[in-house]
N, C-alpha and C. Protein backbone atom coordinates (compact mmCIF):
# COMPACT_ATOMS: atom_id res chain seq x y z
N UNK A 1 0.81 -1.19 -0.12
CA UNK A 1 0.02 0.04 0.00
C UNK A 1 0.87 1.23 0.07
N UNK A 2 1.95 1.21 0.80
CA UNK A 2 2.84 2.36 0.85
C UNK A 2 3.52 2.59 -0.45
N UNK A 3 3.87 1.43 -1.13
CA UNK A 3 4.45 1.39 -2.41
C UNK A 3 3.47 1.93 -3.40
N UNK A 4 2.35 2.12 -3.35
CA UNK A 4 1.35 2.85 -4.32
C UNK A 4 1.43 4.17 -4.07
N UNK A 5 1.59 4.64 -2.93
CA UNK A 5 1.59 6.16 -2.59
C UNK A 5 2.94 6.84 -3.02
N UNK A 6 3.95 6.07 -2.89
CA UNK A 6 5.35 6.82 -3.19
C UNK A 6 5.35 7.27 -4.54
N UNK A 7 4.99 6.59 -5.74
CA UNK A 7 5.09 7.28 -7.00
C UNK A 7 4.02 8.38 -7.10
N UNK A 8 2.80 8.12 -6.48
CA UNK A 8 1.88 9.36 -6.53
C UNK A 8 2.49 10.55 -5.95
N UNK A 9 2.95 10.47 -4.77
CA UNK A 9 3.56 11.65 -4.05
C UNK A 9 4.72 12.25 -4.73
N UNK A 10 5.51 11.43 -5.31
CA UNK A 10 6.68 11.89 -6.08
C UNK A 10 6.28 12.65 -7.28
N UNK A 11 5.29 12.15 -7.93
CA UNK A 11 4.72 12.83 -9.21
C UNK A 11 4.07 14.27 -8.79
N UNK A 12 3.39 14.29 -7.57
CA UNK A 12 2.82 15.47 -7.18
C UNK A 12 3.88 16.53 -6.79
N UNK A 13 4.91 16.08 -6.18
CA UNK A 13 6.12 16.90 -5.96
C UNK A 13 6.69 17.57 -7.13
N UNK A 14 6.94 16.56 -8.11
CA UNK A 14 7.55 17.00 -9.31
C UNK A 14 6.61 17.93 -10.05
N UNK A 15 5.33 17.76 -10.13
CA UNK A 15 4.41 18.64 -10.78
C UNK A 15 4.25 20.00 -10.03
N UNK A 16 4.30 20.01 -8.75
CA UNK A 16 4.42 21.21 -8.00
C UNK A 16 5.65 22.08 -8.31
N UNK A 17 6.84 21.36 -8.39
CA UNK A 17 8.05 22.07 -8.63
C UNK A 17 8.07 22.61 -10.04
N UNK A 18 7.45 21.76 -11.05
CA UNK A 18 7.36 22.30 -12.44
C UNK A 18 6.47 23.56 -12.51
N UNK A 19 5.29 23.46 -11.65
CA UNK A 19 4.35 24.63 -11.74
C UNK A 19 5.05 25.88 -11.13
N UNK A 20 5.86 25.69 -10.03
CA UNK A 20 6.65 26.85 -9.38
C UNK A 20 7.66 27.21 -10.49
N UNK A 21 8.18 26.53 -11.11
CA UNK A 21 9.23 27.12 -12.04
C UNK A 21 8.41 27.80 -13.22
N UNK A 22 7.36 27.42 -13.68
CA UNK A 22 6.59 28.16 -14.68
C UNK A 22 6.15 29.49 -14.12
N UNK A 23 5.70 29.51 -12.84
CA UNK A 23 5.21 30.83 -12.30
C UNK A 23 6.41 31.76 -12.18
N UNK A 24 7.66 31.35 -11.68
CA UNK A 24 8.85 32.00 -11.47
C UNK A 24 9.24 32.65 -12.93
N UNK A 25 9.14 31.75 -13.91
CA UNK A 25 9.67 32.24 -15.36
C UNK A 25 8.77 33.25 -15.84
N UNK A 26 7.40 32.99 -15.71
CA UNK A 26 6.43 34.01 -16.18
C UNK A 26 6.64 35.33 -15.39
N UNK A 27 6.95 35.29 -14.08
CA UNK A 27 7.05 36.51 -13.23
C UNK A 27 8.28 37.43 -13.77
N UNK A 28 9.42 36.56 -14.07
CA UNK A 28 10.59 37.39 -14.50
C UNK A 28 10.33 37.97 -15.90
N UNK A 29 9.69 37.17 -16.64
CA UNK A 29 9.34 37.61 -18.09
C UNK A 29 8.51 38.91 -18.00
N UNK A 30 7.52 38.88 -17.08
CA UNK A 30 6.61 40.14 -16.95
C UNK A 30 7.66 41.25 -16.39
N UNK A 31 8.41 40.90 -15.43
CA UNK A 31 9.37 42.06 -14.98
C UNK A 31 10.13 42.59 -16.22
N UNK A 32 10.65 41.84 -16.97
CA UNK A 32 11.50 42.20 -17.97
C UNK A 32 10.71 43.07 -19.01
N UNK A 33 9.48 42.60 -19.36
CA UNK A 33 8.66 43.26 -20.13
C UNK A 33 8.31 44.68 -19.72
N UNK A 34 8.00 44.82 -18.37
CA UNK A 34 7.61 46.08 -17.73
C UNK A 34 8.75 47.05 -17.69
N UNK A 35 10.05 46.62 -17.64
CA UNK A 35 11.23 47.37 -17.50
C UNK A 35 11.60 47.83 -19.00
N UNK A 36 11.38 46.96 -19.89
CA UNK A 36 11.60 47.32 -21.23
C UNK A 36 10.54 48.38 -21.63
N UNK A 37 9.23 48.29 -21.20
CA UNK A 37 8.23 49.32 -21.55
C UNK A 37 8.70 50.53 -20.97
N UNK A 38 9.09 50.55 -19.66
CA UNK A 38 9.56 51.81 -18.89
C UNK A 38 10.68 52.50 -19.73
N UNK A 39 11.63 51.63 -20.13
CA UNK A 39 12.86 52.26 -20.77
C UNK A 39 12.36 52.89 -22.12
N UNK A 40 11.42 52.20 -22.81
CA UNK A 40 10.97 52.72 -24.01
C UNK A 40 10.34 54.17 -23.81
N UNK A 41 9.47 54.17 -22.72
CA UNK A 41 8.73 55.38 -22.41
C UNK A 41 9.79 56.40 -22.06
N UNK A 42 10.85 56.08 -21.31
CA UNK A 42 11.85 57.09 -20.84
C UNK A 42 12.56 57.58 -22.13
N UNK A 43 12.81 56.75 -23.04
CA UNK A 43 13.62 57.20 -24.26
C UNK A 43 12.67 58.13 -25.08
N UNK A 44 11.37 57.87 -25.07
CA UNK A 44 10.58 58.73 -25.88
C UNK A 44 10.33 60.02 -25.18
N UNK A 45 10.35 59.94 -23.79
CA UNK A 45 10.12 61.38 -23.06
C UNK A 45 11.43 62.17 -23.04
N UNK A 46 12.61 61.56 -23.11
CA UNK A 46 13.95 62.24 -23.18
C UNK A 46 14.03 62.85 -24.59
N UNK A 47 13.62 62.03 -25.59
CA UNK A 47 13.60 62.66 -27.07
C UNK A 47 12.74 63.72 -27.20
N UNK A 48 11.41 63.69 -26.66
CA UNK A 48 10.64 64.85 -26.75
C UNK A 48 11.13 66.11 -25.92
N UNK A 49 11.88 65.78 -24.83
CA UNK A 49 12.41 66.96 -24.04
C UNK A 49 13.45 67.57 -24.89
N UNK A 50 14.43 66.82 -25.46
CA UNK A 50 15.48 67.38 -26.37
C UNK A 50 14.95 68.03 -27.50
N UNK A 51 13.93 67.51 -28.17
CA UNK A 51 13.38 68.18 -29.33
C UNK A 51 12.64 69.33 -29.05
N UNK A 52 12.02 69.45 -27.88
CA UNK A 52 11.28 70.64 -27.43
C UNK A 52 12.28 71.77 -27.07
N UNK A 53 13.31 71.39 -26.33
CA UNK A 53 14.30 72.41 -26.01
C UNK A 53 15.04 72.95 -27.26
N UNK A 54 15.21 72.13 -28.25
CA UNK A 54 15.86 72.59 -29.53
C UNK A 54 15.00 73.56 -30.26
N UNK A 55 13.72 73.20 -30.30
CA UNK A 55 12.69 74.02 -30.96
C UNK A 55 12.57 75.33 -30.06
N UNK A 56 12.48 75.32 -28.91
CA UNK A 56 12.45 76.54 -28.19
C UNK A 56 13.64 77.37 -28.35
N UNK A 57 14.72 76.76 -28.51
CA UNK A 57 16.05 77.60 -28.74
C UNK A 57 15.93 78.23 -30.21
N UNK A 58 15.41 77.69 -31.14
CA UNK A 58 15.21 78.21 -32.49
C UNK A 58 14.27 79.33 -32.30
N UNK A 59 13.27 79.13 -31.48
CA UNK A 59 12.24 80.22 -31.30
C UNK A 59 12.79 81.46 -30.60
N UNK A 60 13.76 81.21 -29.75
CA UNK A 60 14.49 82.34 -29.01
C UNK A 60 15.22 83.14 -29.99
N UNK A 61 15.97 82.47 -31.03
CA UNK A 61 16.59 83.25 -32.06
C UNK A 61 15.73 84.00 -32.90
N UNK A 62 14.53 83.49 -33.08
CA UNK A 62 13.55 84.21 -33.95
C UNK A 62 13.05 85.38 -33.16
N UNK A 63 12.86 85.18 -31.84
CA UNK A 63 12.45 86.32 -31.07
C UNK A 63 13.57 87.45 -30.96
N UNK A 64 14.70 87.12 -30.90
CA UNK A 64 15.82 88.03 -30.84
C UNK A 64 15.88 88.76 -32.19
N UNK A 65 15.70 88.19 -33.20
CA UNK A 65 15.73 88.87 -34.58
C UNK A 65 14.55 89.86 -34.53
N UNK A 66 13.26 89.33 -34.11
CA UNK A 66 12.13 90.29 -34.13
C UNK A 66 12.27 91.37 -33.31
N UNK A 67 12.89 91.21 -31.99
CA UNK A 67 13.15 92.36 -31.10
C UNK A 67 14.05 93.35 -31.70
N UNK A 68 15.16 92.86 -32.34
CA UNK A 68 16.04 93.76 -32.95
C UNK A 68 15.39 94.54 -34.04
N UNK A 69 14.60 93.90 -34.82
CA UNK A 69 13.93 94.64 -35.98
C UNK A 69 12.96 95.55 -35.55
N UNK A 70 12.32 95.24 -34.27
CA UNK A 70 11.34 96.20 -33.71
C UNK A 70 12.09 97.38 -33.14
N UNK A 71 13.32 97.21 -32.64
CA UNK A 71 13.96 98.27 -32.12
C UNK A 71 14.36 99.30 -33.20
N UNK A 72 14.95 98.59 -34.35
CA UNK A 72 15.41 99.50 -35.39
C UNK A 72 14.23 100.26 -36.04
N UNK A 73 13.02 99.70 -36.15
CA UNK A 73 11.94 100.47 -36.71
C UNK A 73 11.45 101.41 -35.84
N UNK A 74 11.23 101.17 -34.56
CA UNK A 74 10.52 102.11 -33.62
C UNK A 74 11.49 102.93 -32.72
N UNK A 75 12.62 102.43 -32.67
CA UNK A 75 13.60 103.10 -31.72
C UNK A 75 13.37 102.82 -30.22
N UNK A 76 12.45 101.96 -29.96
CA UNK A 76 12.16 101.63 -28.58
C UNK A 76 12.52 100.18 -28.35
N UNK A 77 12.84 99.74 -27.17
CA UNK A 77 13.10 98.32 -26.86
C UNK A 77 11.81 97.62 -26.95
N UNK A 78 11.91 96.18 -27.22
CA UNK A 78 10.75 95.41 -27.33
C UNK A 78 9.95 95.35 -25.99
N UNK A 79 10.75 95.33 -24.94
CA UNK A 79 10.14 95.21 -23.67
C UNK A 79 10.26 96.57 -22.88
N UNK A 80 9.20 97.36 -22.86
CA UNK A 80 9.26 98.57 -22.37
C UNK A 80 8.30 98.68 -21.10
N UNK A 81 8.90 99.24 -19.99
CA UNK A 81 8.02 99.48 -18.90
C UNK A 81 7.28 98.16 -18.43
N UNK A 82 7.93 97.04 -18.65
CA UNK A 82 7.40 95.70 -18.30
C UNK A 82 6.28 95.11 -19.20
N UNK A 83 6.09 95.77 -20.37
CA UNK A 83 5.17 95.31 -21.43
C UNK A 83 5.91 94.98 -22.65
N UNK A 84 5.47 93.89 -23.16
CA UNK A 84 6.07 93.39 -24.31
C UNK A 84 5.39 93.94 -25.53
N UNK A 85 6.15 94.39 -26.63
CA UNK A 85 5.46 94.97 -27.71
C UNK A 85 4.55 93.97 -28.30
N UNK A 86 3.53 94.67 -28.90
CA UNK A 86 2.26 93.62 -29.42
C UNK A 86 2.90 92.80 -30.56
N UNK A 87 3.93 93.39 -31.31
CA UNK A 87 4.44 92.66 -32.46
C UNK A 87 5.22 91.37 -32.10
N UNK A 88 5.72 91.32 -30.76
CA UNK A 88 6.42 90.25 -30.30
C UNK A 88 5.56 89.31 -29.51
N UNK A 89 4.44 89.71 -29.17
CA UNK A 89 3.56 88.90 -28.38
C UNK A 89 3.24 87.36 -29.08
N UNK A 90 3.04 87.31 -30.20
CA UNK A 90 2.84 85.90 -30.92
C UNK A 90 4.09 85.13 -30.73
N UNK A 91 5.29 85.68 -31.03
CA UNK A 91 6.48 84.83 -30.89
C UNK A 91 6.78 84.39 -29.43
N UNK A 92 6.30 85.34 -28.54
CA UNK A 92 6.49 84.81 -27.12
C UNK A 92 5.51 83.93 -26.60
N UNK A 93 4.33 83.81 -27.20
CA UNK A 93 3.27 82.92 -26.82
C UNK A 93 3.72 81.55 -27.47
N UNK A 94 4.30 81.46 -28.68
CA UNK A 94 4.87 80.30 -29.29
C UNK A 94 5.89 79.69 -28.37
N UNK A 95 6.82 80.65 -27.92
CA UNK A 95 7.89 80.03 -26.98
C UNK A 95 7.21 79.56 -25.67
N UNK A 96 6.22 80.20 -25.17
CA UNK A 96 5.62 79.74 -23.93
C UNK A 96 5.00 78.44 -24.14
N UNK A 97 4.30 78.23 -25.30
CA UNK A 97 3.77 76.86 -25.60
C UNK A 97 4.75 75.75 -25.70
N UNK A 98 5.88 76.16 -26.39
CA UNK A 98 6.88 75.04 -26.45
C UNK A 98 7.63 74.86 -25.03
N UNK A 99 7.71 75.85 -24.31
CA UNK A 99 8.32 75.55 -22.94
C UNK A 99 7.29 74.82 -22.06
N UNK A 100 5.96 74.95 -22.35
CA UNK A 100 4.96 74.02 -21.68
C UNK A 100 5.06 72.62 -22.05
N UNK A 101 5.24 72.24 -23.33
CA UNK A 101 5.62 71.03 -23.77
C UNK A 101 6.98 70.49 -23.24
N UNK A 102 7.86 71.38 -23.18
CA UNK A 102 9.10 70.88 -22.31
C UNK A 102 8.91 70.58 -21.04
N UNK A 103 8.19 71.39 -20.27
CA UNK A 103 7.87 71.04 -18.95
C UNK A 103 7.07 69.67 -18.77
N UNK A 104 6.17 69.43 -19.67
CA UNK A 104 5.46 68.19 -19.50
C UNK A 104 6.46 66.98 -19.71
N UNK A 105 7.35 67.09 -20.89
CA UNK A 105 8.26 66.10 -21.01
C UNK A 105 9.10 65.98 -19.90
N UNK A 106 9.58 67.12 -19.13
CA UNK A 106 10.46 67.01 -18.01
C UNK A 106 9.81 66.31 -16.98
N UNK A 107 8.46 66.39 -16.77
CA UNK A 107 7.80 65.77 -15.62
C UNK A 107 7.70 64.17 -15.96
N UNK A 108 7.48 63.97 -17.25
CA UNK A 108 7.51 62.54 -17.67
C UNK A 108 8.84 61.92 -17.37
N UNK A 109 9.85 62.50 -17.64
CA UNK A 109 11.19 61.95 -17.41
C UNK A 109 11.51 61.83 -16.12
N UNK A 110 11.22 62.78 -15.24
CA UNK A 110 11.33 62.74 -13.80
C UNK A 110 10.60 61.73 -13.05
N UNK A 111 9.40 61.49 -13.56
CA UNK A 111 8.60 60.41 -12.98
C UNK A 111 9.11 58.99 -13.30
N UNK A 112 9.59 58.76 -14.47
CA UNK A 112 10.13 57.48 -14.94
C UNK A 112 11.51 57.28 -14.51
N UNK A 113 12.42 58.31 -14.24
CA UNK A 113 13.69 58.15 -13.83
C UNK A 113 14.06 59.28 -13.01
N UNK A 114 13.81 59.31 -11.70
CA UNK A 114 14.21 60.56 -10.83
C UNK A 114 15.81 60.85 -10.89
N UNK A 115 16.56 59.96 -11.14
CA UNK A 115 18.03 60.18 -11.23
C UNK A 115 18.32 61.15 -12.32
N UNK A 116 17.45 61.38 -13.34
CA UNK A 116 17.67 62.37 -14.32
C UNK A 116 17.20 63.82 -14.01
N UNK A 117 16.73 63.99 -12.92
CA UNK A 117 16.25 65.39 -12.45
C UNK A 117 17.10 66.48 -12.58
N UNK A 118 18.29 66.25 -12.09
CA UNK A 118 19.33 67.48 -12.27
C UNK A 118 19.71 67.83 -13.68
N UNK A 119 20.12 66.83 -14.46
CA UNK A 119 20.44 67.31 -15.87
C UNK A 119 19.30 67.84 -16.58
N UNK A 120 17.96 67.32 -16.47
CA UNK A 120 16.94 67.88 -16.97
C UNK A 120 16.73 69.38 -16.59
N UNK A 121 16.86 69.62 -15.26
CA UNK A 121 16.56 71.10 -14.79
C UNK A 121 17.72 71.84 -15.37
N UNK A 122 18.91 71.54 -15.44
CA UNK A 122 20.05 72.26 -15.99
C UNK A 122 19.66 72.71 -17.44
N UNK A 123 19.26 71.55 -18.19
CA UNK A 123 19.08 71.84 -19.57
C UNK A 123 17.97 72.96 -19.76
N UNK A 124 16.88 72.74 -19.00
CA UNK A 124 15.69 73.78 -19.14
C UNK A 124 16.09 75.08 -18.71
N UNK A 125 16.93 75.20 -17.60
CA UNK A 125 17.28 76.55 -17.09
C UNK A 125 18.21 77.34 -18.10
N UNK A 126 18.91 76.53 -18.90
CA UNK A 126 19.67 77.23 -19.92
C UNK A 126 18.89 77.68 -20.97
N UNK A 127 17.88 76.96 -21.32
CA UNK A 127 16.92 77.53 -22.46
C UNK A 127 16.18 78.74 -22.00
N UNK A 128 15.73 78.74 -20.65
CA UNK A 128 15.01 79.94 -20.17
C UNK A 128 16.03 81.07 -20.16
N UNK A 129 17.10 80.94 -19.64
CA UNK A 129 18.10 81.82 -19.58
C UNK A 129 18.41 82.50 -20.91
N UNK A 130 18.41 81.61 -21.98
CA UNK A 130 18.59 82.10 -23.31
C UNK A 130 17.56 83.09 -23.88
N UNK A 131 16.38 82.84 -23.32
CA UNK A 131 15.24 83.72 -23.79
C UNK A 131 15.29 85.07 -23.26
N UNK A 132 15.73 85.17 -21.93
CA UNK A 132 15.71 86.64 -21.36
C UNK A 132 16.43 87.69 -22.15
N UNK A 133 17.62 87.47 -22.53
CA UNK A 133 18.28 88.56 -23.33
C UNK A 133 17.65 88.71 -24.62
N UNK A 134 17.08 87.73 -25.11
CA UNK A 134 16.48 87.85 -26.58
C UNK A 134 15.27 88.83 -26.51
N UNK A 135 14.52 88.77 -25.43
CA UNK A 135 13.37 89.62 -25.35
C UNK A 135 13.85 91.18 -24.93
N UNK A 136 14.83 91.10 -24.01
CA UNK A 136 15.36 92.45 -23.46
C UNK A 136 16.16 93.07 -24.46
N UNK A 137 16.37 92.37 -25.64
CA UNK A 137 17.35 92.88 -26.54
C UNK A 137 18.72 93.35 -26.21
N UNK A 138 19.24 92.60 -25.00
CA UNK A 138 20.57 92.71 -24.60
C UNK A 138 21.58 92.23 -25.57
N UNK A 139 22.66 92.71 -25.71
CA UNK A 139 23.66 92.25 -26.51
C UNK A 139 24.41 91.16 -25.84
N UNK A 140 23.84 90.06 -25.93
CA UNK A 140 24.51 88.96 -25.43
C UNK A 140 24.75 87.91 -26.51
N UNK A 141 25.83 87.26 -26.58
CA UNK A 141 26.05 86.33 -27.80
C UNK A 141 25.41 85.10 -27.47
N UNK A 142 24.25 84.79 -28.27
CA UNK A 142 23.57 83.57 -28.06
C UNK A 142 24.36 82.28 -28.29
N UNK A 143 25.38 82.40 -29.05
CA UNK A 143 26.13 81.23 -29.12
C UNK A 143 26.76 80.58 -27.83
N UNK A 144 26.99 81.65 -26.95
CA UNK A 144 27.47 81.25 -25.64
C UNK A 144 26.35 80.38 -24.96
N UNK A 145 25.15 80.79 -24.92
CA UNK A 145 24.02 80.05 -24.42
C UNK A 145 23.85 78.84 -25.14
N UNK A 146 23.99 78.80 -26.51
CA UNK A 146 23.71 77.53 -27.25
C UNK A 146 24.78 76.46 -26.89
N UNK A 147 26.05 76.94 -26.81
CA UNK A 147 27.14 76.02 -26.35
C UNK A 147 26.75 75.44 -25.02
N UNK A 148 26.48 76.20 -24.12
CA UNK A 148 26.17 75.79 -22.76
C UNK A 148 24.90 74.77 -22.65
N UNK A 149 23.90 75.18 -23.50
CA UNK A 149 22.72 74.29 -23.58
C UNK A 149 23.08 73.03 -24.27
N UNK A 150 23.83 73.12 -25.42
CA UNK A 150 24.34 71.89 -26.02
C UNK A 150 25.23 70.97 -25.04
N UNK A 151 25.97 71.50 -24.15
CA UNK A 151 26.72 70.84 -23.24
C UNK A 151 25.75 70.06 -22.20
N UNK A 152 24.72 70.80 -21.85
CA UNK A 152 23.63 70.28 -20.98
C UNK A 152 22.94 69.00 -21.67
N UNK A 153 22.72 69.30 -22.84
CA UNK A 153 21.96 68.24 -23.56
C UNK A 153 22.83 66.94 -23.64
N UNK A 154 24.14 67.10 -23.89
CA UNK A 154 25.08 66.01 -23.92
C UNK A 154 25.23 65.42 -22.53
N UNK A 155 25.08 66.22 -21.48
CA UNK A 155 25.11 65.65 -20.12
C UNK A 155 23.88 64.78 -19.89
N UNK A 156 22.74 65.29 -20.32
CA UNK A 156 21.55 64.51 -20.09
C UNK A 156 21.54 63.17 -20.93
N UNK A 157 22.04 63.24 -22.12
CA UNK A 157 22.11 62.08 -22.95
C UNK A 157 23.05 61.12 -22.21
N UNK A 158 24.14 61.58 -21.81
CA UNK A 158 25.22 60.69 -21.08
C UNK A 158 24.56 60.10 -19.73
N UNK A 159 23.88 61.07 -19.08
CA UNK A 159 23.21 60.30 -17.77
C UNK A 159 22.21 59.33 -18.20
N UNK A 160 21.47 59.49 -19.32
CA UNK A 160 20.54 58.54 -19.78
C UNK A 160 21.19 57.26 -20.16
N UNK A 161 22.30 57.35 -20.82
CA UNK A 161 22.95 56.17 -21.21
C UNK A 161 23.52 55.25 -20.05
N UNK A 162 23.95 56.02 -19.01
CA UNK A 162 24.54 55.35 -17.77
C UNK A 162 23.40 54.49 -17.08
N UNK A 163 22.19 54.82 -17.30
CA UNK A 163 21.21 54.14 -16.61
C UNK A 163 21.07 52.66 -17.01
N UNK A 164 21.47 52.33 -18.17
CA UNK A 164 21.33 51.05 -18.67
C UNK A 164 22.21 49.97 -18.14
């Protein structure tokens, strides 16, 4: 009688071990899939952030040209007594919309990978610093800002690469 139960119990133990192995394998596969999806989302968010900052930088150059033209034509600065000239308002609104998109991408990046917070904030701060002299028509070489912004972009890309 005991000899009848031994094969049955051994087959139950083997089946339980096989089932446990399947469950563990599925769990690991699910974790790998979730991590791959998170990395894909992070890559998309970083790409959107970099593209948005680049577009905002181009908009700043456009705003600087418009501010210089406005000052040549009217003899007044584009920003006078805290009010932006009506001719520059559309360009400023485009810049604001671009920076809103950049901020949304920033939050996505930070939510997905908090370790990228500092490089992202440094990149965005250079973009905002670049816009200030353009509106005020200060004689600041924008290439200085662009070089610093490019360095911050490279730092963000390098920080992203070290995550893998």
